[in-house]
Amino acid sequence: MHVAGWASREPRRRGDVTGRQRAARSPGRWSWRLVAWSVFVACLVVGSPFPSAGHAGERPLARAQWATTTQSLSPAEALDLDFRAMSGDTLNLGPFQGDIWLRLWLDGSEMGERRWLSVRWPYARDFRFYLVGSRSADGKPSLLEWREGAHPIGLPAIPTDPGRLLPAFDGKRQFLLRLSADGPTAMQLTLDSVQTERNRLLSRYLLFGIYLGAMLGMATYSLFLMLALRERTYAGYAAFLAATVLYVGLRYNVLGPLLPEFLHWMSPARQAQLAVALMALSGIGFVRRFLQSPRDDPRADRVLQLLMLLALSTVPASAALSGELSSLLVMGMVVATVLGIFWAAWRSMGRGFRPAFNLLISWSMFAVVVLLYLAMLLGVLPYSAVLTLGLPLGSLALALLLAFALGSRIRHKPVSYTHLRAHETVLDLVCRLLLE
């Protein structure tokens, strides 16, 4: 029986190929996406080894030095540590647990209005700032802890990176910073005016609002489609987008104050690790339903279930282990999850499940961004602002590509004509609005 508008599922002859099948087999429809992502990934690879532009001698923080210790030292004792020069104004030690001491020499006559010293590091703990004075008669330098100016007038009362508003001074002064680390230590020091910092914060929240609206909008839209089509794969898609938004919000110090009270005892790094575990669980659950692995590929499904157990085990491990060990465990889980999903999609495509190709393309592009970002957190690559922005941009692109993959997944599934027609109409309208 043939219904108008619905292609017959009777067996076709070998040479009988429809226009839709020819389009699906043709690589032209994916060429523009591959080119765009190739350019984006190339920019990440090229930009990652160079944290910032300009010559080191043109920056006030060019002479910054760093030292680490696992012991609790006083500022006077910290001055005797073996300090080494920073690479410009960035520092990346990978996962580390202990104290990081930074020594700066600043010239007040050259600073002008650039008096806001900020540490671009979302996982900073116990930020202390000291002014090193002249030595006394016993040869020990005087140190004054500067606690004022943490929230100067003119900055929004919202969470941000740790910093201090430096007092006005003449000549060259020496300063000492102490940061307690319990996880990844990729950071950047900046020295700007209060107005510049205010504009940066407002831009950050504006961009995050756009990102949040786009991601949650697609998640809400997918829930409506789940109710209309009675397809629970869309619920997994929405859960994965919500977990991704949670991680990005914690990574950029935006959603931390909105967390439940019982999670505030956790450090920012451990909160982010919890969000990563939720991303892995929801992502694997979505992929299992998308590929129909419980029914069609039990071997791959068992591997995906083991990855879900691994992701679930990182939740208590993040609370019990040290920040350095838990960070390594979570990063290893992320790498295993990325490779496991890629392998399962490749097997599904090999057995003739066409929507797996769309999932494979979407996931492989996002995997490149994730692996580069992990390489930075591990200290293999130096700190790069491009890589920190690559994660939210990559997740937004993944959400869009997965929406198209879900469309092909639903069209591939034998559903009723009414549900398919309604889905195609809504999807075509959304695609038209995005393209226009």
Protein backbone atom coordinates (compact mmCIF):
# COMPACT_ATOMS: atom_id res chain seq x y z
CA MET A 1 0.00 0.00 0.00
CA HIS A 2 1.35 3.40 -0.99
CA VAL A 3 0.44 6.63 0.82
CA ALA A 4 0.85 9.93 -0.94
CA GLY A 5 3.93 11.78 0.30
CA TRP A 6 5.44 8.67 1.90
CA ALA A 7 8.01 6.61 0.00
CA SER A 8 7.20 2.95 -0.32
CA ARG A 9 9.33 0.59 1.75
CA GLU A 10 9.07 -2.27 -0.74
CA PRO A 11 12.40 -3.68 -1.96
CA ARG A 12 13.82 -1.76 -4.93
CA ARG A 13 15.91 -3.01 -7.79
CA ARG A 14 19.65 -2.51 -7.58
CA GLY A 15 19.77 0.45 -9.95
CA ASP A 16 16.58 2.14 -8.72
CA VAL A 17 17.81 5.06 -6.58
CA THR A 18 15.64 7.99 -5.54
CA GLY A 19 16.71 11.63 -5.54
CA ARG A 20 16.77 11.71 -1.74
CA GLN A 21 19.07 8.68 -1.62
CA ARG A 22 21.40 10.23 -4.19
CA ALA A 23 21.54 13.42 -2.11
CA ALA A 24 22.28 11.41 1.02
CA ARG A 25 25.11 9.59 -0.70
CA SER A 26 26.57 12.72 -2.22
CA PRO A 27 29.30 14.34 -0.10
CA GLY A 28 28.44 17.80 -1.46
CA ARG A 29 25.83 18.49 1.18
CA TRP A 30 28.53 18.11 3.89
CA SER A 31 31.37 19.84 2.06
CA TRP A 32 30.59 23.33 3.36
CA ARG A 33 30.43 22.07 6.95
CA LEU A 34 33.73 20.24 6.61
CA VAL A 35 35.43 23.31 5.14
CA ALA A 36 34.07 25.61 7.85
CA TRP A 37 35.11 23.27 10.65
CA SER A 38 38.50 22.66 9.09
CA VAL A 39 39.17 26.41 9.09
CA PHE A 40 37.98 26.67 12.69
CA VAL A 41 40.13 23.78 13.89
CA ALA A 42 43.13 25.16 11.96
CA CYS A 43 42.72 28.48 13.77
CA LEU A 44 42.73 26.62 17.09
CA VAL A 45 45.85 24.66 16.24
CA VAL A 46 47.70 27.71 14.96
CA GLY A 47 46.53 30.02 17.71
CA SER A 48 47.00 27.71 20.67
CA PRO A 49 50.82 27.89 20.91
CA PHE A 50 50.70 31.70 20.98
CA PRO A 51 48.78 32.87 24.03
CA SER A 52 48.74 36.55 23.16
CA ALA A 53 49.92 38.95 20.53
CA GLY A 54 52.61 41.57 20.85
CA HIS A 55 56.12 41.57 22.21
CA ALA A 56 56.83 40.71 25.80
CA GLY A 57 58.62 43.98 26.42
CA GLU A 58 55.51 46.03 25.59
CA ARG A 59 53.45 44.61 28.47
CA PRO A 60 53.68 45.74 32.11
CA LEU A 61 53.50 42.09 33.22
CA ALA A 62 56.38 40.95 31.02
CA ARG A 63 58.73 40.46 33.99
CA ALA A 64 56.34 38.25 35.97
CA GLN A 65 57.84 35.21 37.70
CA TRP A 66 56.32 32.11 39.27
CA ALA A 67 57.13 29.44 41.81
CA THR A 68 55.21 26.55 43.34
CA THR A 69 55.24 24.80 46.69
CA THR A 70 53.22 22.13 48.44
CA GLN A 71 54.06 23.59 51.85
CA SER A 72 52.31 26.42 53.65
CA LEU A 73 54.77 29.33 53.56
CA SER A 74 54.57 32.90 54.75
CA PRO A 75 55.07 35.66 52.16
CA ALA A 76 58.57 36.36 53.49
CA GLU A 77 59.49 32.69 53.15
CA ALA A 78 57.97 32.55 49.67
CA LEU A 79 60.42 35.24 48.48
CA ASP A 80 63.22 32.71 48.91
CA LEU A 81 61.63 30.22 46.47
CA ASP A 82 63.21 29.47 43.13
CA PHE A 83 61.22 31.80 40.88
CA ARG A 84 61.18 31.31 37.12
CA ALA A 85 60.11 33.66 34.36
CA MET A 86 56.58 33.32 33.01
CA SER A 87 55.90 32.89 29.32
CA GLY A 88 54.57 36.38 28.69
CA ASP A 89 51.58 36.88 30.97
CA THR A 90 50.30 33.28 30.99
CA LEU A 91 51.02 30.21 33.10
CA ASN A 92 49.94 26.61 32.62
CA LEU A 93 51.18 23.89 34.98
CA GLY A 94 48.50 21.31 34.19
CA PRO A 95 46.74 19.64 37.14
CA PHE A 96 48.46 20.81 40.33
CA GLN A 97 47.72 20.82 44.06
CA GLY A 98 49.49 23.35 46.24
CA ASP A 99 50.32 27.07 46.32
CA ILE A 100 51.37 29.14 43.31
CA TRP A 101 53.36 32.29 44.08
CA LEU A 102 53.67 35.03 41.46
CA ARG A 103 56.15 37.92 41.69
CA LEU A 104 55.55 41.11 39.71
CA TRP A 105 57.46 44.36 39.16
CA LEU A 106 55.24 47.25 38.08
CA ASP A 107 56.08 50.86 37.25
CA GLY A 108 53.37 53.19 38.51
CA SER A 109 54.30 55.97 36.09
CA GLU A 110 53.72 53.63 33.10
CA MET A 111 50.44 52.11 34.29
CA GLY A 112 48.22 55.18 34.07
CA GLU A 113 44.57 54.09 34.47
CA ARG A 114 45.48 50.43 34.07
CA ARG A 115 45.29 49.54 37.73
CA TRP A 116 42.96 46.53 37.77
CA LEU A 117 45.09 43.39 38.11
CA SER A 118 43.07 40.28 37.28
CA VAL A 119 43.85 36.56 37.16
CA ARG A 120 41.91 34.84 34.37
CA TRP A 121 41.46 31.53 36.13
CA PRO A 122 38.02 30.12 37.06
CA TYR A 123 39.44 27.60 39.56
CA ALA A 124 41.46 30.03 41.70
CA ARG A 125 41.20 29.64 45.47
CA ASP A 126 42.36 31.83 48.36
CA PHE A 127 43.73 34.75 46.36
CA ARG A 128 46.22 36.85 48.42
CA PHE A 129 48.00 39.99 47.23
CA TYR A 130 51.03 41.57 48.94
CA LEU A 131 53.07 44.73 48.47
CA VAL A 132 56.77 44.07 49.06
CA GLY A 133 58.46 46.99 50.83
CA SER A 134 62.03 47.86 51.74
CA ARG A 135 64.12 45.63 53.98
CA SER A 136 64.35 46.36 57.67
CA ALA A 137 67.44 46.35 59.87
CA ASP A 138 67.37 42.54 60.20
CA GLY A 139 67.42 42.19 56.40
CA LYS A 140 63.83 40.95 56.06
CA PRO A 141 61.53 42.77 53.63
CA SER A 142 58.29 44.27 54.87
CA LEU A 143 55.11 42.86 53.30
CA LEU A 144 51.69 44.49 53.36
CA GLU A 145 48.64 42.44 52.37
CA TRP A 146 46.38 44.49 50.11
CA ARG A 147 42.75 43.47 50.69
CA GLU A 148 41.06 46.61 49.44
CA GLY A 149 39.90 47.10 45.89
CA ALA A 150 38.56 43.55 45.40
CA HIS A 151 35.20 45.00 44.31
CA PRO A 152 35.88 48.59 43.25
CA ILE A 153 33.13 51.04 42.37
CA GLY A 154 32.20 50.75 38.72
CA LEU A 155 32.38 46.96 38.42
CA PRO A 156 29.15 44.94 38.38
CA ALA A 157 28.47 42.99 41.56
CA ILE A 158 28.72 39.64 39.77
CA PRO A 159 31.19 36.76 40.13
CA THR A 160 34.38 37.24 38.20
CA ASP A 161 38.01 36.26 38.13
CA PRO A 162 40.01 37.21 41.26
CA GLY A 163 41.72 40.58 41.13
CA ARG A 164 42.70 43.72 42.99
CA LEU A 165 42.56 47.43 42.23
CA LEU A 166 46.15 48.59 42.71
CA PRO A 167 46.79 51.79 44.63
CA ALA A 168 48.32 54.77 42.86
CA PHE A 169 52.10 54.85 43.32
CA ASP A 170 55.22 56.30 41.72
CA GLY A 171 58.28 54.41 40.57
CA LYS A 172 58.74 50.67 40.52
CA ARG A 173 57.18 48.41 43.14
CA GLN A 174 57.36 44.69 43.76
CA PHE A 175 54.19 42.68 44.38
CA LEU A 176 53.58 39.10 45.45
CA LEU A 177 50.50 36.98 44.70
CA ARG A 178 49.49 33.69 46.25
CA LEU A 179 46.96 31.35 44.63
CA SER A 180 45.88 27.99 46.03
CA ALA A 181 45.48 25.41 43.27
CA ASP A 182 43.52 22.18 43.42
CA GLY A 183 43.14 21.15 39.79
CA PRO A 184 43.94 22.63 36.34
CA THR A 185 46.11 25.76 36.51
CA ALA A 186 45.84 27.34 33.05
CA MET A 187 45.69 31.10 33.75
CA GLN A 188 46.44 34.54 32.36
CA LEU A 189 47.32 37.79 34.12
CA THR A 190 45.84 41.04 32.81
CA LEU A 191 46.29 44.68 33.80
CA ASP A 192 43.48 46.96 32.57
CA SER A 193 41.45 49.92 33.66
CA VAL A 194 38.28 49.45 35.69
CA GLN A 195 36.19 50.61 32.73
CA THR A 196 37.82 48.03 30.44
CA GLU A 197 37.16 45.30 32.99
CA ARG A 198 33.56 46.44 33.34
CA ASN A 199 33.04 46.30 29.58
CA ARG A 200 34.63 42.86 29.45
CA LEU A 201 32.32 41.54 32.15
CA LEU A 202 29.22 42.95 30.49
CA SER A 203 30.32 41.45 27.15
CA ARG A 204 30.91 38.10 28.83
CA TYR A 205 27.41 38.02 30.29
CA LEU A 206 25.84 39.25 27.06
CA LEU A 207 27.54 36.50 25.05
CA PHE A 208 26.66 33.89 27.64
CA GLY A 209 23.04 35.06 27.52
CA ILE A 210 23.00 34.55 23.75
CA TYR A 211 24.63 31.14 24.17
CA LEU A 212 22.22 30.17 26.95
CA GLY A 213 19.20 31.28 24.92
CA ALA A 214 20.30 29.35 21.84
CA MET A 215 21.11 26.13 23.70
CA LEU A 216 18.07 26.11 25.96
CA GLY A 217 15.88 27.16 23.03
CA MET A 218 17.00 24.11 21.07
CA ALA A 219 16.55 21.92 24.16
CA THR A 220 12.99 23.19 24.68
CA TYR A 221 12.19 22.74 21.00
CA SER A 222 13.45 19.14 21.18
CA LEU A 223 11.18 18.43 24.16
CA PHE A 224 8.17 19.61 22.15
CA LEU A 225 9.23 17.31 19.33
CA MET A 226 9.56 14.47 21.81
CA LEU A 227 5.93 14.97 22.85
CA ALA A 228 4.74 15.34 19.26
CA LEU A 229 6.66 12.38 17.85
CA ARG A 230 6.79 10.22 20.97
CA GLU A 231 10.54 9.83 20.37
CA ARG A 232 12.60 9.75 23.59
CA THR A 233 15.86 10.36 21.72
CA TYR A 234 14.99 14.06 21.85
CA ALA A 235 14.91 13.90 25.66
CA GLY A 236 18.51 12.67 25.67
CA TYR A 237 19.45 15.47 23.29
CA ALA A 238 17.85 18.08 25.59
CA ALA A 239 19.58 16.62 28.67
CA PHE A 240 22.97 16.74 26.94
CA LEU A 241 22.47 20.40 25.97
CA ALA A 242 21.44 21.31 29.54
CA ALA A 243 24.53 19.58 31.00
CA THR A 244 26.76 21.38 28.47
CA VAL A 245 25.28 24.74 29.45
CA LEU A 246 25.92 23.91 33.11
CA TYR A 247 29.60 23.19 32.46
CA VAL A 248 30.16 26.29 30.32
CA GLY A 249 28.40 28.43 32.94
CA LEU A 250 30.65 27.06 35.68
CA ARG A 251 33.75 27.37 33.50
CA TYR A 252 33.11 31.09 32.98
CA ASN A 253 32.09 31.87 36.58
CA VAL A 254 28.48 32.61 35.69
CA LEU A 255 26.28 29.87 37.18
CA GLY A 256 28.22 29.18 40.39
CA PRO A 257 26.03 31.34 42.69
CA LEU A 258 22.87 29.71 41.28
CA LEU A 259 23.85 26.20 42.37
CA PRO A 260 22.04 24.59 45.34
CA GLU A 261 23.41 25.40 48.76
CA PHE A 262 24.69 21.87 49.41
CA LEU A 263 27.07 22.17 46.41
CA HIS A 264 28.76 25.38 47.59
CA TRP A 265 31.23 23.47 49.77
CA MET A 266 32.78 22.05 46.60
CA SER A 267 35.59 23.94 44.92
CA PRO A 268 34.91 25.43 41.46
CA ALA A 269 37.06 22.73 39.86
CA ARG A 270 35.03 19.94 41.48
CA GLN A 271 31.76 21.60 40.48
CA ALA A 272 32.98 21.65 36.88
CA GLN A 273 33.95 17.97 37.17
CA LEU A 274 30.41 17.16 38.29
CA ALA A 275 29.05 18.96 35.24
CA VAL A 276 31.45 17.00 33.00
CA ALA A 277 30.14 13.73 34.46
CA LEU A 278 26.57 14.83 33.69
CA MET A 279 27.63 15.72 30.14
CA ALA A 280 29.15 12.26 29.65
CA LEU A 281 26.14 10.42 31.10
CA SER A 282 23.57 12.34 29.07
CA GLY A 283 25.70 12.27 25.92
CA ILE A 284 26.23 8.51 26.04
CA GLY A 285 22.55 7.92 26.81
CA PHE A 286 21.60 10.04 23.81
CA VAL A 287 24.02 8.18 21.52
CA ARG A 288 22.73 4.78 22.65
CA ARG A 289 19.18 5.68 21.68
CA PHE A 290 20.27 7.44 18.50
CA LEU A 291 22.24 4.43 17.24
CA GLN A 292 19.77 1.87 18.63
CA SER A 293 22.77 0.04 20.02
CA PRO A 294 20.87 -2.01 22.68
CA ARG A 295 19.00 -3.73 19.85
CA ASP A 296 21.35 -3.60 16.85
CA ASP A 297 24.87 -3.67 18.35
CA PRO A 298 25.03 -5.31 21.81
CA ARG A 299 28.84 -5.28 21.82
CA ALA A 300 29.08 -1.51 21.31
CA ASP A 301 26.23 -1.02 23.78
CA ARG A 302 28.15 -2.87 26.50
CA VAL A 303 31.14 -0.58 25.91
CA LEU A 304 28.91 2.49 26.15
CA GLN A 305 27.37 1.16 29.38
CA LEU A 306 30.85 0.71 30.85
CA LEU A 307 31.65 4.30 29.92
CA MET A 308 28.49 5.42 31.71
CA LEU A 309 29.61 3.54 34.83
CA LEU A 310 33.03 5.19 34.55
CA ALA A 311 31.42 8.63 34.30
CA LEU A 312 29.20 7.85 37.28
CA SER A 313 32.21 6.74 39.35
CA THR A 314 33.92 10.11 38.86
CA VAL A 315 31.22 11.82 40.97
CA PRO A 316 32.24 10.29 44.34
CA ALA A 317 35.88 10.22 43.21
CA SER A 318 35.84 14.01 42.72
CA ALA A 319 34.75 14.42 46.33
CA ALA A 320 37.14 11.83 47.83
CA LEU A 321 40.34 12.27 45.82
CA SER A 322 42.63 15.27 45.65
CA GLY A 323 41.95 17.86 42.98
CA GLU A 324 44.98 16.79 40.97
CA LEU A 325 44.01 13.09 40.89
CA SER A 326 40.31 13.75 40.31
CA SER A 327 41.15 16.08 37.40
CA LEU A 328 43.27 13.38 35.76
CA LEU A 329 40.51 10.82 36.31
CA VAL A 330 37.83 13.05 34.79
CA MET A 331 40.03 13.96 31.82
CA GLY A 332 40.76 10.28 31.19
CA MET A 333 37.02 9.57 31.33
CA VAL A 334 36.36 12.33 28.79
CA VAL A 335 38.94 10.94 26.36
CA ALA A 336 37.48 7.43 26.72
CA THR A 337 33.97 8.78 26.16
CA VAL A 338 34.95 10.71 23.05
CA LEU A 339 36.70 7.71 21.53
CA GLY A 340 33.94 5.29 22.58
CA ILE A 341 31.18 7.32 20.95
CA PHE A 342 33.25 7.73 17.80
CA TRP A 343 33.85 3.96 17.67
CA ALA A 344 30.17 3.11 18.23
CA ALA A 345 29.06 5.54 15.50
CA TRP A 346 31.65 4.10 13.10
CA ARG A 347 30.39 0.55 13.73
CA SER A 348 26.79 1.66 13.25
CA MET A 349 27.64 3.35 9.96
CA GLY A 350 29.45 0.19 8.87
CA ARG A 351 26.33 -1.90 9.31
CA GLY A 352 24.35 0.42 7.04
CA PHE A 353 22.65 2.77 9.52
CA ARG A 354 22.80 6.02 7.50
CA PRO A 355 22.02 8.55 10.29
CA ALA A 356 25.20 7.36 12.03
CA PHE A 357 27.20 9.23 9.38
CA ASN A 358 25.60 12.53 10.45
CA LEU A 359 26.33 11.74 14.10
CA LEU A 360 29.91 10.76 13.25
CA ILE A 361 30.60 14.03 11.45
CA SER A 362 29.03 16.13 14.22
CA TRP A 363 30.80 14.31 17.04
CA SER A 364 34.22 14.11 15.37
CA MET A 365 34.36 17.89 14.91
CA PHE A 366 33.41 18.51 18.53
CA ALA A 367 35.89 15.84 19.65
CA VAL A 368 38.78 17.77 18.07
CA VAL A 369 37.83 20.88 20.06
CA VAL A 370 37.46 18.88 23.30
CA LEU A 371 40.81 17.12 22.89
CA LEU A 372 42.62 20.41 22.20
CA TYR A 373 40.98 21.94 25.27
CA LEU A 374 42.00 18.94 27.39
CA ALA A 375 45.55 19.24 26.07
CA MET A 376 45.60 22.79 27.41
CA LEU A 377 44.24 21.73 30.82
CA LEU A 378 46.86 18.98 31.01
CA GLY A 379 49.63 21.49 30.30
CA VAL A 380 50.57 19.98 26.94
CA LEU A 381 49.49 23.21 25.19
CA PRO A 382 50.01 26.64 26.73
CA TYR A 383 47.11 28.78 27.83
CA SER A 384 45.17 30.22 24.89
CA ALA A 385 42.08 32.39 24.94
CA VAL A 386 41.13 30.86 21.58
CA LEU A 387 40.88 27.41 23.15
CA THR A 388 38.75 28.65 26.04
CA LEU A 389 36.31 30.18 23.54
CA GLY A 390 36.46 27.10 21.33
CA LEU A 391 34.52 24.96 23.81
CA PRO A 392 31.27 27.00 23.92
CA LEU A 393 31.47 27.70 20.19
CA GLY A 394 32.11 24.04 19.47
CA SER A 395 29.23 22.91 21.69
CA LEU A 396 26.86 25.35 19.98
CA ALA A 397 27.92 24.07 16.55
CA LEU A 398 27.52 20.49 17.81
CA ALA A 399 23.97 21.25 18.99
CA LEU A 400 23.05 22.59 15.54
CA LEU A 401 24.62 19.65 13.70
CA LEU A 402 22.97 17.15 16.04
CA ALA A 403 19.60 18.77 15.28
CA PHE A 404 20.13 17.94 11.59
CA ALA A 405 21.33 14.46 12.53
CA LEU A 406 18.16 13.91 14.56
CA GLY A 407 16.13 14.98 11.55
CA SER A 408 17.75 12.30 9.42
CA ARG A 409 17.37 9.83 12.30
CA ILE A 410 13.61 10.43 12.50
CA ARG A 411 13.18 10.25 8.74
CA HIS A 412 15.03 6.94 8.77
CA LYS A 413 12.76 5.51 11.46
CA PRO A 414 9.46 3.95 10.29
CA VAL A 415 6.96 6.29 11.96
CA SER A 416 3.47 7.26 10.95
CA TYR A 417 2.96 9.66 8.06
CA THR A 418 1.30 12.27 10.30
CA HIS A 419 4.22 12.48 12.72
CA LEU A 420 6.81 12.60 9.95
CA ARG A 421 4.98 15.31 8.07
CA ALA A 422 4.63 17.47 11.18
CA HIS A 423 8.33 17.05 12.03
CA GLU A 424 9.46 17.97 8.51
CA THR A 425 7.30 21.10 8.52
CA VAL A 426 8.67 22.40 11.85
CA LEU A 427 12.26 21.52 10.96
CA ASP A 428 12.04 23.25 7.58
CA LEU A 429 10.67 26.39 9.28
CA VAL A 430 13.50 26.44 11.87
CA CYS A 431 16.15 25.89 9.19
CA ARG A 432 14.72 28.70 7.07
CA LEU A 433 14.81 31.11 10.04
CA LEU A 434 18.42 30.15 10.85
CA LEU A 435 19.60 30.54 7.27
CA GLU A 436 17.86 33.86 6.76
